[in-house]
Amino acid sequence: MFFRILPRSLGRQLLNALAFAAYHLDRRHRHIADVNLQIAFPHLSRAERNRITRLSFQATAQNLLEISRLSGLSRENLGSLVQYDPERGWNNFEAAKSRGKPILYLTGHFSAWELLPAAHALFGNPLSFVTRPLDNPLLEEYLTRVREACGNTVISKKRSARQILENLRSRGAVGILMDQNTDPQEGIFAEFFGLPAGTSTGLALFALRADAVVLPGYLTPMKSGRYYIRFLPPLELVRTGDRNHDVREATAMINRILESIIREQPESWLWGHKRWSYQPHGNPQDIYSLSQDELRQFLDKNRRG
């Protein structure tokens, strides 16, 4: 890709400029981000919501830069770009490993999310991770090759359940992005920033069936242009023997963890996604089409906390 041959600093500047232009031109995703921010942070001013949205566009653009340069990463040059957070990093990963069980990495679209599994693999910890196939087969082939260049394995989301379980039962490690809207027929409604959100139950089901450790992980961008890999302590899932109850509790916990990460670094999340697109019966089925007054009334009536 073009950005691979540019000096990193020049690539960052160019992509920031393109992200700035996209922010002003892409009214649709700017509107989606604004609605999401009103849901998540109702106290913020319009100016502050705009600031976070603009930086979120930039974070997404930087992800493209890191994708273009993944194949050029090595164990020798990685340290100048990525490190484990000295306080919330390797220690929590070691705590998860020490349990002697397979690991399910819980993550989302934070910062340069494609860099996270690549860097972790180059540091000696390869994993499999689940991706949604692209419509363009040539681009999908390229991305799969780049994603696997650092020693990881890509699992297509289509018909992925058996492969994930086989990996976990052989004490492997699998990463799953859990911050996207999900059809309730494939998951459940779980509270997210005080509002019901269609949420996949997949990670909870896999963790309970394979007795896996769930380890939340994400990248934190630094002002220097470098990144920290952060891991939170392994989750303590409820295991009562009632599978439906335990899945619901685990899925609710997953959303709380993701919410805490977003609150910590809101500028790094992908706000332009319709996270609350599905709503329970009786709620508006497209909250992103509501007028400002209708949205405010809906949130005042339905938001908890």
Protein backbone atom coordinates (compact mmCIF):
# COMPACT_ATOMS: atom_id res chain seq x y z
CA MET A 1 0.00 0.00 0.00
CA PHE A 2 0.99 3.60 -0.64
CA PHE A 3 1.38 4.52 3.02
CA ARG A 4 3.89 1.74 3.63
CA ILE A 5 6.56 3.46 1.53
CA LEU A 6 6.14 6.85 3.20
CA PRO A 7 8.05 7.82 6.33
CA ARG A 8 5.78 7.13 9.31
CA SER A 9 5.57 10.78 10.35
CA LEU A 10 4.57 11.87 6.85
CA GLY A 11 2.01 9.08 6.60
CA ARG A 12 0.46 10.12 9.91
CA GLN A 13 0.22 13.75 8.82
CA LEU A 14 -1.32 12.86 5.47
CA LEU A 15 -3.88 10.51 7.01
CA ASN A 16 -4.78 13.07 9.66
CA ALA A 17 -5.44 15.57 6.87
CA LEU A 18 -7.59 13.03 5.02
CA ALA A 19 -9.46 12.23 8.26
CA PHE A 20 -10.08 15.94 8.81
CA ALA A 21 -11.56 16.19 5.31
CA ALA A 22 -13.64 13.03 5.82
CA TYR A 23 -14.99 14.42 9.08
CA HIS A 24 -16.33 17.49 7.30
CA LEU A 25 -17.59 15.66 4.20
CA ASP A 26 -19.06 12.49 5.72
CA ARG A 27 -22.23 13.89 7.27
CA ARG A 28 -23.79 10.44 7.70
CA HIS A 29 -21.12 8.99 9.98
CA ARG A 30 -20.68 12.31 11.73
CA HIS A 31 -24.39 12.22 12.60
CA ILE A 32 -24.19 8.60 13.80
CA ALA A 33 -21.24 9.50 16.01
CA ASP A 34 -23.09 12.48 17.45
CA VAL A 35 -26.14 10.37 18.36
CA ASN A 36 -23.88 7.74 19.94
CA LEU A 37 -22.08 10.37 21.98
CA GLN A 38 -25.37 11.81 23.21
CA ILE A 39 -26.30 8.32 24.39
CA ALA A 40 -22.96 7.63 26.05
CA PHE A 41 -22.08 11.07 27.41
CA PRO A 42 -25.25 13.15 27.77
CA HIS A 43 -23.43 15.87 29.71
CA LEU A 44 -21.06 16.77 26.86
CA SER A 45 -21.51 19.96 24.87
CA ARG A 46 -21.93 19.87 21.10
CA ALA A 47 -18.41 21.27 20.73
CA GLU A 48 -16.95 18.48 22.86
CA ARG A 49 -18.88 15.82 20.95
CA ASN A 50 -17.51 17.28 17.71
CA ARG A 51 -13.97 17.16 19.10
CA ILE A 52 -14.25 13.49 20.06
CA THR A 53 -15.81 12.62 16.70
CA ARG A 54 -13.02 14.39 14.82
CA LEU A 55 -10.36 12.52 16.80
CA SER A 56 -12.21 9.25 16.28
CA PHE A 57 -12.01 9.82 12.51
CA GLN A 58 -8.25 10.34 12.94
CA ALA A 59 -7.87 7.16 15.02
CA THR A 60 -9.61 5.15 12.31
CA ALA A 61 -7.32 6.68 9.69
CA GLN A 62 -4.25 5.73 11.71
CA ASN A 63 -5.51 2.15 11.75
CA LEU A 64 -5.13 2.21 7.96
CA LEU A 65 -1.53 3.34 8.35
CA GLU A 66 -0.74 0.47 10.70
CA ILE A 67 -2.44 -2.08 8.42
CA SER A 68 -0.28 -0.93 5.52
CA ARG A 69 2.87 -1.46 7.58
CA LEU A 70 2.06 -4.75 9.36
CA SER A 71 4.12 -6.89 6.98
CA GLY A 72 7.18 -4.76 7.72
CA LEU A 73 7.04 -5.31 11.48
CA SER A 74 9.48 -7.62 13.23
CA ARG A 75 10.44 -8.49 16.79
CA GLU A 76 13.50 -6.27 16.33
CA ASN A 77 11.73 -3.07 15.26
CA LEU A 78 8.45 -3.48 17.14
CA GLY A 79 9.67 -2.04 20.43
CA SER A 80 10.00 1.44 18.96
CA LEU A 81 6.28 1.41 18.14
CA VAL A 82 4.50 -0.75 20.73
CA GLN A 83 5.12 -1.63 24.37
CA TYR A 84 3.12 -3.38 27.07
CA ASP A 85 1.69 -0.93 29.56
CA PRO A 86 3.99 -1.20 32.60
CA GLU A 87 1.04 -1.09 35.01
CA ARG A 88 -1.76 -2.81 33.07
CA GLY A 89 -0.12 -4.99 30.49
CA TRP A 90 2.11 -8.03 30.72
CA ASN A 91 1.21 -8.65 34.37
CA ASN A 92 -2.45 -9.27 33.59
CA PHE A 93 -1.57 -11.39 30.56
CA GLU A 94 0.69 -13.52 32.77
CA ALA A 95 -2.12 -13.83 35.32
CA ALA A 96 -4.37 -15.21 32.57
CA LYS A 97 -1.70 -17.61 31.28
CA SER A 98 -0.95 -18.91 34.76
CA ARG A 99 -4.42 -20.45 34.96
CA GLY A 100 -3.40 -23.03 32.38
CA LYS A 101 -6.58 -22.58 30.34
CA PRO A 102 -7.32 -21.35 26.82
CA ILE A 103 -7.57 -17.59 26.49
CA LEU A 104 -10.37 -15.60 24.87
CA TYR A 105 -9.26 -12.04 24.18
CA LEU A 106 -12.08 -9.53 24.54
CA THR A 107 -11.49 -6.39 22.51
CA GLY A 108 -13.14 -3.80 20.28
CA HIS A 109 -12.45 -1.17 17.65
CA PHE A 110 -10.07 0.93 19.71
CA SER A 111 -7.27 2.99 18.20
CA ALA A 112 -5.22 0.97 15.65
CA TRP A 113 -7.03 -2.25 16.47
CA GLU A 114 -5.37 -4.24 13.67
CA LEU A 115 -1.98 -3.62 15.25
CA LEU A 116 -2.92 -5.22 18.58
CA PRO A 117 -2.92 -8.93 17.59
CA ALA A 118 0.08 -8.44 15.29
CA ALA A 119 2.19 -6.86 18.01
CA HIS A 120 1.13 -9.41 20.63
CA ALA A 121 2.09 -12.22 18.24
CA LEU A 122 5.50 -10.71 17.48
CA PHE A 123 6.13 -10.49 21.20
CA GLY A 124 5.75 -14.29 21.23
CA ASN A 125 2.01 -14.76 21.74
CA PRO A 126 0.28 -15.70 18.47
CA LEU A 127 -3.48 -16.12 18.41
CA SER A 128 -6.42 -16.69 16.14
CA PHE A 129 -8.92 -13.89 15.70
CA VAL A 130 -12.33 -13.60 14.14
CA THR A 131 -12.96 -11.20 11.24
CA ARG A 132 -15.93 -10.40 9.04
CA PRO A 133 -15.03 -11.16 5.38
CA LEU A 134 -14.96 -8.17 3.04
CA ASP A 135 -17.14 -8.03 -0.04
CA ASN A 136 -14.07 -7.45 -2.23
CA PRO A 137 -12.26 -10.83 -2.53
CA LEU A 138 -8.96 -9.29 -3.66
CA LEU A 139 -8.87 -6.91 -0.71
CA GLU A 140 -9.93 -9.74 1.62
CA GLU A 141 -7.07 -11.91 0.33
CA TYR A 142 -4.59 -9.06 0.84
CA LEU A 143 -5.81 -8.32 4.38
CA THR A 144 -5.71 -11.99 5.37
CA ARG A 145 -2.14 -12.27 4.13
CA VAL A 146 -1.08 -9.13 6.02
CA ARG A 147 -2.93 -10.12 9.18
CA GLU A 148 -1.27 -13.54 9.21
CA ALA A 149 2.23 -12.24 8.39
CA CYS A 150 3.08 -11.87 12.08
CA GLY A 151 2.14 -15.45 12.99
CA ASN A 152 -1.58 -15.15 13.68
CA THR A 153 -4.45 -17.07 12.10
CA VAL A 154 -7.56 -15.41 10.70
CA ILE A 155 -10.92 -17.10 11.37
CA SER A 156 -13.74 -16.02 9.07
CA LYS A 157 -16.85 -15.07 11.01
CA LYS A 158 -18.93 -17.21 8.68
CA ARG A 159 -19.17 -20.72 10.15
CA SER A 160 -16.52 -19.88 12.75
CA ALA A 161 -17.99 -21.60 15.84
CA ARG A 162 -16.44 -25.03 15.30
CA GLN A 163 -13.01 -23.61 14.51
CA ILE A 164 -13.09 -21.37 17.59
CA LEU A 165 -14.07 -24.24 19.89
CA GLU A 166 -11.45 -26.56 18.41
CA ASN A 167 -8.81 -23.90 18.97
CA LEU A 168 -9.86 -23.31 22.57
CA ARG A 169 -10.12 -26.99 23.40
CA SER A 170 -6.53 -27.42 22.27
CA ARG A 171 -5.60 -24.62 24.73
CA GLY A 172 -5.17 -22.03 22.02
CA ALA A 173 -6.04 -18.34 22.11
CA VAL A 174 -8.77 -16.53 20.18
CA GLY A 175 -9.55 -12.81 19.90
CA ILE A 176 -13.08 -11.50 19.29
CA LEU A 177 -14.24 -7.94 18.67
CA MET A 178 -17.34 -7.47 20.80
CA ASP A 179 -18.34 -3.84 20.37
CA GLN A 180 -20.52 -4.05 17.26
CA ASN A 181 -24.29 -4.05 16.86
CA THR A 182 -25.78 -7.57 16.68
CA ASP A 183 -29.14 -8.79 15.45
CA PRO A 184 -31.07 -9.91 18.58
CA GLN A 185 -31.73 -13.23 16.82
CA GLU A 186 -27.99 -13.86 17.11
CA GLY A 187 -27.56 -12.44 20.60
CA ILE A 188 -29.43 -10.61 23.33
CA PHE A 189 -30.18 -7.08 24.44
CA ALA A 190 -27.66 -6.04 27.08
CA GLU A 191 -27.29 -2.64 28.68
CA PHE A 192 -24.56 -0.46 27.18
CA PHE A 193 -24.17 3.07 28.50
CA GLY A 194 -27.60 2.70 30.10
CA LEU A 195 -29.44 1.74 26.91
CA PRO A 196 -30.30 -1.72 25.50
CA ALA A 197 -27.91 -2.77 22.74
CA GLY A 198 -28.03 -5.85 20.56
CA THR A 199 -25.00 -7.83 21.78
CA SER A 200 -23.47 -11.09 20.62
CA THR A 201 -23.48 -13.91 23.16
CA GLY A 202 -20.75 -15.74 21.25
CA LEU A 203 -17.81 -14.91 23.49
CA ALA A 204 -19.73 -15.81 26.64
CA LEU A 205 -20.86 -19.13 25.16
CA PHE A 206 -17.35 -20.05 23.99
CA ALA A 207 -15.85 -19.12 27.36
CA LEU A 208 -18.34 -21.23 29.30
CA ARG A 209 -18.23 -24.23 26.97
CA ALA A 210 -14.43 -24.35 26.73
CA ASP A 211 -13.75 -23.17 30.30
CA ALA A 212 -11.62 -20.38 28.86
CA VAL A 213 -10.14 -17.33 30.55
CA VAL A 214 -11.59 -14.05 29.24
CA LEU A 215 -8.90 -11.38 29.03
CA PRO A 216 -9.84 -7.83 27.97
CA GLY A 217 -7.16 -6.17 25.85
CA TYR A 218 -6.83 -3.01 23.79
CA LEU A 219 -4.38 -0.45 22.41
CA THR A 220 -3.90 2.99 23.90
CA PRO A 221 -2.38 5.62 21.58
CA MET A 222 0.31 7.87 23.04
CA LYS A 223 1.06 11.47 22.05
CA SER A 224 4.43 10.32 20.75
CA GLY A 225 2.73 8.22 18.07
CA ARG A 226 3.54 5.01 19.91
CA TYR A 227 1.07 2.59 21.51
CA TYR A 228 0.63 0.75 24.78
CA ILE A 229 -0.88 -2.74 24.88
CA ARG A 230 -3.17 -2.85 27.87
CA PHE A 231 -4.76 -5.89 29.47
CA LEU A 232 -7.27 -5.69 32.26
CA PRO A 233 -7.42 -8.45 34.90
CA PRO A 234 -9.05 -11.68 33.66
CA LEU A 235 -12.82 -11.66 34.08
CA GLU A 236 -14.43 -13.78 36.75
CA LEU A 237 -17.43 -15.25 34.96
CA VAL A 238 -20.46 -16.51 36.85
CA ARG A 239 -20.81 -20.28 36.50
CA THR A 240 -23.99 -21.45 38.24
CA GLY A 241 -24.75 -24.31 35.87
CA ASP A 242 -27.72 -22.44 34.42
CA ARG A 243 -26.33 -21.79 30.94
CA ASN A 244 -28.86 -19.13 29.91
CA HIS A 245 -28.39 -17.19 33.13
CA ASP A 246 -24.61 -17.45 32.98
CA VAL A 247 -24.47 -16.30 29.35
CA ARG A 248 -26.62 -13.27 30.12
CA GLU A 249 -24.48 -12.34 33.12
CA ALA A 250 -21.24 -12.76 31.16
CA THR A 251 -22.54 -10.73 28.21
CA ALA A 252 -23.65 -7.92 30.53
CA MET A 253 -20.19 -7.97 32.13
CA ILE A 254 -18.53 -7.79 28.70
CA ASN A 255 -20.50 -4.65 27.85
CA ARG A 256 -19.55 -3.07 31.18
CA ILE A 257 -15.88 -3.73 30.48
CA LEU A 258 -16.07 -2.27 26.98
CA GLU A 259 -17.93 0.73 28.34
CA SER A 260 -15.19 1.32 30.93
CA ILE A 261 -12.52 1.28 28.19
CA ILE A 262 -14.50 3.75 26.08
CA ARG A 263 -14.93 6.05 29.06
CA GLU A 264 -11.17 5.89 29.63
CA GLN A 265 -10.23 6.81 26.05
CA PRO A 266 -13.32 7.96 24.13
CA GLU A 267 -11.32 9.54 21.31
CA SER A 268 -9.98 6.15 20.24
CA TRP A 269 -13.31 4.34 19.70
CA LEU A 270 -15.15 3.89 16.39
CA TRP A 271 -18.12 6.19 17.10
CA GLY A 272 -19.43 6.14 13.52
CA HIS A 273 -21.02 2.69 13.91
CA LYS A 274 -24.74 2.29 14.69
CA ARG A 275 -24.15 0.49 17.97
CA TRP A 276 -27.76 0.95 19.17
CA SER A 277 -29.41 0.26 15.82
CA TYR A 278 -31.50 -2.63 17.19
CA GLN A 279 -33.88 -1.84 20.03
CA PRO A 280 -36.39 -3.93 22.01
CA HIS A 281 -40.00 -4.01 20.88
CA GLY A 282 -41.73 -0.78 21.86
CA ASN A 283 -38.66 1.41 21.32
CA PRO A 284 -38.05 3.31 18.06
CA GLN A 285 -36.41 0.91 15.62
CA ASP A 286 -34.15 3.55 14.11
CA ILE A 287 -33.06 5.99 16.77
CA TYR A 288 -30.59 7.48 14.29
CA SER A 289 -33.46 8.94 12.27
CA LEU A 290 -35.08 10.71 15.23
CA SER A 291 -35.12 14.48 15.42
CA GLN A 292 -33.04 16.09 18.14
CA ASP A 293 -36.11 16.64 20.33
CA GLU A 294 -37.36 13.07 19.75
CA LEU A 295 -33.94 11.65 20.60
CA ARG A 296 -33.75 13.69 23.79
CA GLN A 297 -37.21 12.56 24.87
CA PHE A 298 -36.39 8.93 24.07
CA LEU A 299 -33.16 9.02 26.06
CA ASP A 300 -34.75 10.77 29.02
CA LYS A 301 -37.39 8.04 29.13
CA ASN A 302 -35.25 4.95 28.47
CA ARG A 303 -31.70 5.56 29.62
CA ARG A 304 -30.72 4.09 32.95
CA GLY A 305 -28.10 5.50 35.26
